[in-house]
Amino acid sequence: MLFTVEYGELEDAPLIKECPLSLECKLVDVYQMPTHNLFMGEIIATYADEKILTEGIPDLGKLNPLLLTMPDNYYWTVKEKVGKAWNIGRELIK
């Protein structure tokens, strides 16, 4: 078996037990796009291993996710934090 399926609060939303971070979502809407469908969901519950948390919050550096971008179909990793959004630019106007 590649992974273990389990369920959280929603009976019809399977979770993978071995994933260090899972967001349990309820489907809210589906938008038809020219090349694919865009699914909109509401996060119902979050499950995280302690080893990927920093002060109780998921730490992307510890998680090191593999991301897929579309429609170019590339895989990406996340590098270190470089600045706080909506704040770092203020230094440029001084």
PDB file of N, CA and C in Angstrom:
ATOM      1  N   MET A   1       0.838  -1.173   0.000  1.00  0.00           N
ATOM      2  CA  MET A   1       0.000   0.000   0.000  1.00  0.00           C
ATOM      3  C   MET A   1       0.891   1.247   0.000  1.00  0.00           C
ATOM      4  N   LEU A   2       0.579   2.208  -0.862  1.00  0.00           N
ATOM      5  CA  LEU A   2       1.358   3.436  -0.959  1.00  0.00           C
ATOM      6  C   LEU A   2       1.091   4.402   0.185  1.00  0.00           C
ATOM      7  N   PHE A   3      -0.151   4.463   0.645  1.00  0.00           N
ATOM      8  CA  PHE A   3      -0.509   5.362   1.733  1.00  0.00           C
ATOM      9  C   PHE A   3      -1.785   4.878   2.394  1.00  0.00           C
ATOM     10  N   THR A   4      -2.057   5.438   3.562  1.00  0.00           N
ATOM     11  CA  THR A   4      -3.232   5.070   4.349  1.00  0.00           C
ATOM     12  C   THR A   4      -4.276   6.176   4.244  1.00  0.00           C
ATOM     13  N   VAL A   5      -5.495   5.808   3.883  1.00  0.00           N
ATOM     14  CA  VAL A   5      -6.593   6.769   3.784  1.00  0.00           C
ATOM     15  C   VAL A   5      -7.306   6.831   5.130  1.00  0.00           C
ATOM     16  N   GLU A   6      -7.588   8.048   5.577  1.00  0.00           N
ATOM     17  CA  GLU A   6      -8.366   8.252   6.798  1.00  0.00           C
ATOM     18  C   GLU A   6      -9.338   9.398   6.556  1.00  0.00           C
ATOM     19  N   TYR A   7     -10.232   9.620   7.505  1.00  0.00           N
ATOM     20  CA  TYR A   7     -11.233  10.673   7.377  1.00  0.00           C
ATOM     21  C   TYR A   7     -11.227  11.527   8.628  1.00  0.00           C
ATOM     22  N   GLY A   8     -11.495  12.813   8.459  1.00  0.00           N
ATOM     23  CA  GLY A   8     -11.581  13.742   9.570  1.00  0.00           C
ATOM     24  C   GLY A   8     -13.035  14.051   9.861  1.00  0.00           C
ATOM     25  N   GLU A   9     -13.366  15.326   9.846  1.00  0.00           N
ATOM     26  CA  GLU A   9     -14.732  15.757  10.150  1.00  0.00           C
ATOM     27  C   GLU A   9     -15.718  15.434   9.025  1.00  0.00           C
ATOM     28  N   LEU A  10     -15.260  15.510   7.774  1.00  0.00           N
ATOM     29  CA  LEU A  10     -16.134  15.231   6.634  1.00  0.00           C
ATOM     30  C   LEU A  10     -16.020  13.758   6.250  1.00  0.00           C
ATOM     31  N   GLU A  11     -17.139  13.086   6.100  1.00  0.00           N
ATOM     32  CA  GLU A  11     -17.134  11.656   5.800  1.00  0.00           C
ATOM     33  C   GLU A  11     -16.768  11.348   4.352  1.00  0.00           C
ATOM     34  N   ASP A  12     -16.868  12.328   3.464  1.00  0.00           N
ATOM     35  CA  ASP A  12     -16.611  12.074   2.052  1.00  0.00           C
ATOM     36  C   ASP A  12     -15.364  12.794   1.521  1.00  0.00           C
ATOM     37  N   ALA A  13     -14.482  13.243   2.405  1.00  0.00           N
ATOM     38  CA  ALA A  13     -13.243  13.910   2.008  1.00  0.00           C
ATOM     39  C   ALA A  13     -12.057  13.113   2.554  1.00  0.00           C
ATOM     40  N   PRO A  14     -11.492  12.214   1.746  1.00  0.00           N
ATOM     41  CA  PRO A  14     -10.394  11.385   2.238  1.00  0.00           C
ATOM     42  C   PRO A  14      -9.123  12.193   2.485  1.00  0.00           C
ATOM     43  N   LEU A  15      -8.379  11.796   3.492  1.00  0.00           N
ATOM     44  CA  LEU A  15      -7.089  12.390   3.841  1.00  0.00           C
ATOM     45  C   LEU A  15      -6.025  11.300   3.764  1.00  0.00           C
ATOM     46  N   ILE A  16      -4.790  11.682   3.471  1.00  0.00           N
ATOM     47  CA  ILE A  16      -3.678  10.738   3.461  1.00  0.00           C
ATOM     48  C   ILE A  16      -2.962  10.863   4.804  1.00  0.00           C
ATOM     49  N   LYS A  17      -2.976   9.802   5.581  1.00  0.00           N
ATOM     50  CA  LYS A  17      -2.433   9.815   6.941  1.00  0.00           C
ATOM     51  C   LYS A  17      -0.953  10.211   6.973  1.00  0.00           C
ATOM     52  N   GLU A  18      -0.179   9.788   5.978  1.00  0.00           N
ATOM     53  CA  GLU A  18       1.259  10.039   5.967  1.00  0.00           C
ATOM     54  C   GLU A  18       1.645  11.469   5.565  1.00  0.00           C
ATOM     55  N   CYS A  19       0.697  12.290   5.132  1.00  0.00           N
ATOM     56  CA  CYS A  19       0.995  13.680   4.771  1.00  0.00           C
ATOM     57  C   CYS A  19       1.240  14.499   6.037  1.00  0.00           C
ATOM     58  N   PRO A  20       2.308  15.280   6.067  1.00  0.00           N
ATOM     59  CA  PRO A  20       2.594  16.068   7.261  1.00  0.00           C
ATOM     60  C   PRO A  20       1.624  17.230   7.468  1.00  0.00           C
ATOM     61  N   LEU A  21       0.924  17.650   6.386  1.00  0.00           N
ATOM     62  CA  LEU A  21      -0.049  18.732   6.489  1.00  0.00           C
ATOM     63  C   LEU A  21      -1.228  18.413   5.585  1.00  0.00           C
ATOM     64  N   SER A  22      -2.432  18.439   6.136  1.00  0.00           N
ATOM     65  CA  SER A  22      -3.655  18.210   5.358  1.00  0.00           C
ATOM     66  C   SER A  22      -4.673  19.288   5.692  1.00  0.00           C
ATOM     67  N   LEU A  23      -5.315  19.793   4.649  1.00  0.00           N
ATOM     68  CA  LEU A  23      -6.398  20.750   4.806  1.00  0.00           C
ATOM     69  C   LEU A  23      -7.668  20.051   4.347  1.00  0.00           C
ATOM     70  N   GLU A  24      -8.592  19.864   5.256  1.00  0.00           N
ATOM     71  CA  GLU A  24      -9.854  19.200   4.929  1.00  0.00           C
ATOM     72  C   GLU A  24     -10.821  20.255   4.404  1.00  0.00           C
ATOM     73  N   CYS A  25     -11.261  20.080   3.150  1.00  0.00           N
ATOM     74  CA  CYS A  25     -12.063  21.101   2.488  1.00  0.00           C
ATOM     75  C   CYS A  25     -13.416  20.579   2.040  1.00  0.00           C
ATOM     76  N   LYS A  26     -14.384  21.491   2.088  1.00  0.00           N
ATOM     77  CA  LYS A  26     -15.726  21.238   1.553  1.00  0.00           C
ATOM     78  C   LYS A  26     -15.821  22.006   0.241  1.00  0.00           C
ATOM     79  N   LEU A  27     -16.293  21.348  -0.830  1.00  0.00           N
ATOM     80  CA  LEU A  27     -16.441  21.990  -2.124  1.00  0.00           C
ATOM     81  C   LEU A  27     -17.511  23.064  -2.062  1.00  0.00           C
ATOM     82  N   VAL A  28     -17.167  24.284  -2.496  1.00  0.00           N
ATOM     83  CA  VAL A  28     -18.088  25.412  -2.472  1.00  0.00           C
ATOM     84  C   VAL A  28     -18.590  25.726  -3.878  1.00  0.00           C
ATOM     85  N   ASP A  29     -17.686  25.702  -4.870  1.00  0.00           N
ATOM     86  CA  ASP A  29     -18.076  26.055  -6.230  1.00  0.00           C
ATOM     87  C   ASP A  29     -17.042  25.511  -7.209  1.00  0.00           C
ATOM     88  N   VAL A  30     -17.440  25.394  -8.475  1.00  0.00           N
ATOM     89  CA  VAL A  30     -16.547  24.977  -9.552  1.00  0.00           C
ATOM     90  C   VAL A  30     -16.681  25.992 -10.678  1.00  0.00           C
ATOM     91  N   TYR A  31     -15.560  26.576 -11.091  1.00  0.00           N
ATOM     92  CA  TYR A  31     -15.541  27.526 -12.197  1.00  0.00           C
ATOM     93  C   TYR A  31     -14.920  26.846 -13.408  1.00  0.00           C
ATOM     94  N   GLN A  32     -15.640  26.843 -14.514  1.00  0.00           N
ATOM     95  CA  GLN A  32     -15.113  26.249 -15.736  1.00  0.00           C
ATOM     96  C   GLN A  32     -14.200  27.258 -16.415  1.00  0.00           C
ATOM     97  N   MET A  33     -12.956  26.830 -16.643  1.00  0.00           N
ATOM     98  CA  MET A  33     -11.942  27.658 -17.290  1.00  0.00           C
ATOM     99  C   MET A  33     -11.715  27.105 -18.695  1.00  0.00           C
ATOM    100  N   PRO A  34     -11.000  27.836 -19.556  1.00  0.00           N
ATOM    101  CA  PRO A  34     -10.780  27.356 -20.923  1.00  0.00           C
ATOM    102  C   PRO A  34     -10.064  26.001 -21.003  1.00  0.00           C
ATOM    103  N   THR A  35      -9.121  25.739 -20.086  1.00  0.00           N
ATOM    104  CA  THR A  35      -8.342  24.495 -20.173  1.00  0.00           C
ATOM    105  C   THR A  35      -8.560  23.539 -19.004  1.00  0.00           C
ATOM    106  N   HIS A  36      -9.272  23.977 -17.963  1.00  0.00           N
ATOM    107  CA  HIS A  36      -9.454  23.147 -16.770  1.00  0.00           C
ATOM    108  C   HIS A  36     -10.579  23.736 -15.915  1.00  0.00           C
ATOM    109  N   ASN A  37     -10.895  23.058 -14.843  1.00  0.00           N
ATOM    110  CA  ASN A  37     -11.862  23.574 -13.877  1.00  0.00           C
ATOM    111  C   ASN A  37     -11.120  24.092 -12.652  1.00  0.00           C
ATOM    112  N   LEU A  38     -11.604  25.172 -12.075  1.00  0.00           N
ATOM    113  CA  LEU A  38     -11.053  25.736 -10.854  1.00  0.00           C
ATOM    114  C   LEU A  38     -12.021  25.405  -9.725  1.00  0.00           C
ATOM    115  N   PHE A  39     -11.560  24.655  -8.740  1.00  0.00           N
ATOM    116  CA  PHE A  39     -12.396  24.238  -7.618  1.00  0.00           C
ATOM    117  C   PHE A  39     -12.170  25.175  -6.445  1.00  0.00           C
ATOM    118  N   MET A  40     -13.249  25.708  -5.893  1.00  0.00           N
ATOM    119  CA  MET A  40     -13.183  26.582  -4.728  1.00  0.00           C
ATOM    120  C   MET A  40     -13.687  25.796  -3.524  1.00  0.00           C
ATOM    121  N   GLY A  41     -12.916  25.839  -2.437  1.00  0.00           N
ATOM    122  CA  GLY A  41     -13.298  25.087  -1.257  1.00  0.00           C
ATOM    123  C   GLY A  41     -13.235  25.919   0.007  1.00  0.00           C
ATOM    124  N   GLU A  42     -13.919  25.452   1.014  1.00  0.00           N
ATOM    125  CA  GLU A  42     -13.876  26.048   2.350  1.00  0.00           C
ATOM    126  C   GLU A  42     -13.099  25.097   3.248  1.00  0.00           C
ATOM    127  N   ILE A  43     -12.070  25.607   3.911  1.00  0.00           N
ATOM    128  CA  ILE A  43     -11.287  24.771   4.817  1.00  0.00           C
ATOM    129  C   ILE A  43     -12.114  24.512   6.073  1.00  0.00           C
ATOM    130  N   ILE A  44     -12.365  23.231   6.344  1.00  0.00           N
ATOM    131  CA  ILE A  44     -13.159  22.812   7.498  1.00  0.00           C
ATOM    132  C   ILE A  44     -12.260  22.480   8.691  1.00  0.00           C
ATOM    133  N   ALA A  45     -11.110  21.847   8.418  1.00  0.00           N
ATOM    134  CA  ALA A  45     -10.185  21.456   9.484  1.00  0.00           C
ATOM    135  C   ALA A  45      -8.775  21.358   8.920  1.00  0.00           C
ATOM    136  N   THR A  46      -7.787  21.517   9.788  1.00  0.00           N
ATOM    137  CA  THR A  46      -6.375  21.420   9.424  1.00  0.00           C
ATOM    138  C   THR A  46      -5.716  20.403  10.335  1.00  0.00           C
ATOM    139  N   TYR A  47      -4.871  19.549   9.732  1.00  0.00           N
ATOM    140  CA  TYR A  47      -4.142  18.523  10.476  1.00  0.00           C
ATOM    141  C   TYR A  47      -2.663  18.664  10.153  1.00  0.00           C
ATOM    142  N   ALA A  48      -1.810  18.745  11.186  1.00  0.00           N
ATOM    143  CA  ALA A  48      -0.375  18.932  10.961  1.00  0.00           C
ATOM    144  C   ALA A  48       0.440  18.131  11.966  1.00  0.00           C
ATOM    145  N   ASP A  49       1.532  17.524  11.469  1.00  0.00           N
ATOM    146  CA  ASP A  49       2.492  16.861  12.349  1.00  0.00           C
ATOM    147  C   ASP A  49       3.238  17.924  13.149  1.00  0.00           C
ATOM    148  N   GLU A  50       3.524  17.625  14.394  1.00  0.00           N
ATOM    149  CA  GLU A  50       4.260  18.556  15.252  1.00  0.00           C
ATOM    150  C   GLU A  50       5.613  18.924  14.656  1.00  0.00           C
ATOM    151  N   LYS A  51       6.236  18.001  13.942  1.00  0.00           N
ATOM    152  CA  LYS A  51       7.597  18.233  13.423  1.00  0.00           C
ATOM    153  C   LYS A  51       7.660  19.319  12.346  1.00  0.00           C
ATOM    154  N   ILE A  52       6.528  19.720  11.759  1.00  0.00           N
ATOM    155  CA  ILE A  52       6.556  20.782  10.750  1.00  0.00           C
ATOM    156  C   ILE A  52       6.036  22.105  11.298  1.00  0.00           C
ATOM    157  N   LEU A  53       5.785  22.161  12.595  1.00  0.00           N
ATOM    158  CA  LEU A  53       5.256  23.374  13.214  1.00  0.00           C
ATOM    159  C   LEU A  53       6.358  24.192  13.882  1.00  0.00           C
ATOM    160  N   THR A  54       6.211  25.508  13.826  1.00  0.00           N
ATOM    161  CA  THR A  54       7.045  26.433  14.586  1.00  0.00           C
ATOM    162  C   THR A  54       6.082  27.316  15.356  1.00  0.00           C
ATOM    163  N   GLU A  55       6.129  27.221  16.669  1.00  0.00           N
ATOM    164  CA  GLU A  55       5.217  27.945  17.558  1.00  0.00           C
ATOM    165  C   GLU A  55       3.760  27.699  17.190  1.00  0.00           C
ATOM    166  N   GLY A  56       3.437  26.436  16.830  1.00  0.00           N
ATOM    167  CA  GLY A  56       2.075  26.034  16.539  1.00  0.00           C
ATOM    168  C   GLY A  56       1.580  26.357  15.144  1.00  0.00           C
ATOM    169  N   ILE A  57       2.438  26.902  14.293  1.00  0.00           N
ATOM    170  CA  ILE A  57       2.055  27.299  12.934  1.00  0.00           C
ATOM    171  C   ILE A  57       2.872  26.495  11.922  1.00  0.00           C
ATOM    172  N   PRO A  58       2.231  25.996  10.844  1.00  0.00           N
ATOM    173  CA  PRO A  58       2.995  25.273   9.822  1.00  0.00           C
ATOM    174  C   PRO A  58       4.141  26.130   9.276  1.00  0.00           C
ATOM    175  N   ASP A  59       5.329  25.540   9.229  1.00  0.00           N
ATOM    176  CA  ASP A  59       6.546  26.212   8.787  1.00  0.00           C
ATOM    177  C   ASP A  59       6.925  25.647   7.416  1.00  0.00           C
ATOM    178  N   LEU A  60       6.818  26.470   6.359  1.00  0.00           N
ATOM    179  CA  LEU A  60       7.101  25.993   5.010  1.00  0.00           C
ATOM    180  C   LEU A  60       8.533  25.502   4.851  1.00  0.00           C
ATOM    181  N   GLY A  61       9.462  26.056   5.608  1.00  0.00           N
ATOM    182  CA  GLY A  61      10.844  25.591   5.558  1.00  0.00           C
ATOM    183  C   GLY A  61      10.979  24.162   6.052  1.00  0.00           C
ATOM    184  N   LYS A  62      10.241  23.823   7.088  1.00  0.00           N
ATOM    185  CA  LYS A  62      10.253  22.454   7.612  1.00  0.00           C
ATOM    186  C   LYS A  62       9.441  21.519   6.730  1.00  0.00           C
ATOM    187  N   LEU A  63       8.353  22.017   6.182  1.00  0.00           N
ATOM    188  CA  LEU A  63       7.482  21.205   5.341  1.00  0.00           C
ATOM    189  C   LEU A  63       8.125  20.907   3.993  1.00  0.00           C
ATOM    190  N   ASN A  64       8.786  21.912   3.401  1.00  0.00           N
ATOM    191  CA  ASN A  64       9.437  21.799   2.097  1.00  0.00           C
ATOM    192  C   ASN A  64       8.511  21.188   1.047  1.00  0.00           C
ATOM    193  N   PRO A  65       7.390  21.875   0.734  1.00  0.00           N
ATOM    194  CA  PRO A  65       6.413  21.310  -0.197  1.00  0.00           C
ATOM    195  C   PRO A  65       6.916  21.291  -1.636  1.00  0.00           C
ATOM    196  N   LEU A  66       6.363  20.390  -2.417  1.00  0.00           N
ATOM    197  CA  LEU A  66       6.583  20.344  -3.853  1.00  0.00           C
ATOM    198  C   LEU A  66       5.321  20.889  -4.492  1.00  0.00           C
ATOM    199  N   LEU A  67       5.463  21.927  -5.309  1.00  0.00           N
ATOM    200  CA  LEU A  67       4.317  22.625  -5.884  1.00  0.00           C
ATOM    201  C   LEU A  67       4.273  22.423  -7.389  1.00  0.00           C
ATOM    202  N   LEU A  68       3.068  22.393  -7.948  1.00  0.00           N
ATOM    203  CA  LEU A  68       2.855  22.275  -9.384  1.00  0.00           C
ATOM    204  C   LEU A  68       2.188  23.548  -9.871  1.00  0.00           C
ATOM    205  N   THR A  69       2.770  24.181 -10.898  1.00  0.00           N
ATOM    206  CA  THR A  69       2.132  25.346 -11.504  1.00  0.00           C
ATOM    207  C   THR A  69       1.536  24.941 -12.841  1.00  0.00           C
ATOM    208  N   MET A  70       0.409  25.567 -13.146  1.00  0.00           N
ATOM    209  CA  MET A  70      -0.270  25.260 -14.409  1.00  0.00           C
ATOM    210  C   MET A  70      -0.612  26.567 -15.091  1.00  0.00           C
ATOM    211  N   PRO A  71      -0.658  26.686 -16.364  1.00  0.00           N
ATOM    212  CA  PRO A  71      -0.614  25.595 -17.330  1.00  0.00           C
ATOM    213  C   PRO A  71       0.785  25.227 -17.813  1.00  0.00           C
ATOM    214  N   ASP A  72       1.859  25.808 -17.211  1.00  0.00           N
ATOM    215  CA  ASP A  72       3.198  25.487 -17.693  1.00  0.00           C
ATOM    216  C   ASP A  72       3.710  24.126 -17.233  1.00  0.00           C
ATOM    217  N   ASN A  73       3.042  23.528 -16.231  1.00  0.00           N
ATOM    218  CA  ASN A  73       3.360  22.175 -15.751  1.00  0.00           C
ATOM    219  C   ASN A  73       4.798  22.014 -15.263  1.00  0.00           C
ATOM    220  N   TYR A  74       5.197  22.887 -14.331  1.00  0.00           N
ATOM    221  CA  TYR A  74       6.501  22.787 -13.688  1.00  0.00           C
ATOM    222  C   TYR A  74       6.326  22.482 -12.210  1.00  0.00           C
ATOM    223  N   TYR A  75       7.312  21.763 -11.647  1.00  0.00           N
ATOM    224  CA  TYR A  75       7.358  21.537 -10.202  1.00  0.00           C
ATOM    225  C   TYR A  75       8.306  22.559  -9.587  1.00  0.00           C
ATOM    226  N   TRP A  76       7.952  23.043  -8.401  1.00  0.00           N
ATOM    227  CA  TRP A  76       8.742  24.043  -7.690  1.00  0.00           C
ATOM    228  C   TRP A  76       8.895  23.651  -6.221  1.00  0.00           C
ATOM    229  N   THR A  77       9.952  24.117  -5.608  1.00  0.00           N
ATOM    230  CA  THR A  77      10.095  24.024  -4.162  1.00  0.00           C
ATOM    231  C   THR A  77      10.056  25.448  -3.616  1.00  0.00           C
ATOM    232  N   VAL A  78       9.924  25.568  -2.316  1.00  0.00           N
ATOM    233  CA  VAL A  78       9.852  26.874  -1.678  1.00  0.00           C
ATOM    234  C   VAL A  78      11.194  27.155  -1.010  1.00  0.00           C
ATOM    235  N   LYS A  79      11.711  28.347  -1.217  1.00  0.00           N
ATOM    236  CA  LYS A  79      12.965  28.731  -0.577  1.00  0.00           C
ATOM    237  C   LYS A  79      12.673  29.539   0.678  1.00  0.00           C
ATOM    238  N   GLU A  80      13.708  30.146   1.251  1.00  0.00           N
ATOM    239  CA  GLU A  80      13.543  30.840   2.524  1.00  0.00           C
ATOM    240  C   GLU A  80      12.726  32.120   2.395  1.00  0.00           C
ATOM    241  N   LYS A  81      12.219  32.562   3.521  1.00  0.00           N
ATOM    242  CA  LYS A  81      11.452  33.809   3.600  1.00  0.00           C
ATOM    243  C   LYS A  81      12.399  34.970   3.317  1.00  0.00           C
ATOM    244  N   VAL A  82      11.960  35.930   2.491  1.00  0.00           N
ATOM    245  CA  VAL A  82      12.824  37.061   2.152  1.00  0.00           C
ATOM    246  C   VAL A  82      12.301  38.397   2.669  1.00  0.00           C
ATOM    247  N   GLY A  83      11.044  38.459   3.099  1.00  0.00           N
ATOM    248  CA  GLY A  83      10.509  39.708   3.627  1.00  0.00           C
ATOM    249  C   GLY A  83       9.019  39.600   3.883  1.00  0.00           C
ATOM    250  N   LYS A  84       8.507  40.532   4.643  1.00  0.00           N
ATOM    251  CA  LYS A  84       7.090  40.544   4.993  1.00  0.00           C
ATOM    252  C   LYS A  84       6.308  41.309   3.934  1.00  0.00           C
ATOM    253  N   ALA A  85       5.288  40.664   3.392  1.00  0.00           N
ATOM    254  CA  ALA A  85       4.467  41.284   2.342  1.00  0.00           C
ATOM    255  C   ALA A  85       3.826  42.576   2.835  1.00  0.00           C
ATOM    256  N   TRP A  86       3.721  43.536   1.945  1.00  0.00           N
ATOM    257  CA  TRP A  86       3.129  44.846   2.180  1.00  0.00           C
ATOM    258  C   TRP A  86       3.916  45.694   3.176  1.00  0.00           C
ATOM    259  N   ASN A  87       5.087  45.245   3.598  1.00  0.00           N
ATOM    260  CA  ASN A  87       5.925  46.041   4.496  1.00  0.00           C
ATOM    261  C   ASN A  87       7.292  46.316   3.891  1.00  0.00           C
ATOM    262  N   ILE A  88       7.889  45.323   3.252  1.00  0.00           N
ATOM    263  CA  ILE A  88       9.256  45.448   2.771  1.00  0.00           C
ATOM    264  C   ILE A  88       9.402  46.559   1.732  1.00  0.00           C
ATOM    265  N   GLY A  89       8.385  46.804   0.933  1.00  0.00           N
ATOM    266  CA  GLY A  89       8.444  47.850  -0.080  1.00  0.00           C
ATOM    267  C   GLY A  89       8.504  49.258   0.486  1.00  0.00           C
ATOM    268  N   ARG A  90       8.025  49.428   1.701  1.00  0.00           N
ATOM    269  CA  ARG A  90       8.042  50.759   2.336  1.00  0.00           C
ATOM    270  C   ARG A  90       9.458  51.263   2.511  1.00  0.00           C
ATOM    271  N   GLU A  91      10.415  50.354   2.687  1.00  0.00           N
ATOM    272  CA  GLU A  91      11.818  50.749   2.845  1.00  0.00           C
ATOM    273  C   GLU A  91      12.352  51.400   1.563  1.00  0.00           C
ATOM    274  N   LEU A  92      11.787  51.050   0.414  1.00  0.00           N
ATOM    275  CA  LEU A  92      12.249  51.567  -0.855  1.00  0.00           C
ATOM    276  C   LEU A  92      11.851  53.022  -1.082  1.00  0.00           C
ATOM    277  N   ILE A  93      10.790  53.491  -0.432  1.00  0.00           N
ATOM    278  CA  ILE A  93      10.309  54.855  -0.674  1.00  0.00           C
ATOM    279  C   ILE A  93      10.881  55.853   0.333  1.00  0.00           C
ATOM    280  N   LYS A  94      11.697  55.406   1.254  1.00  0.00           N
ATOM    281  CA  LYS A  94      12.306  56.320   2.245  1.00  0.00           C
ATOM    282  C   LYS A  94      13.544  56.965   1.685  1.00  0.00           C
TER     283      LYS A  94
END
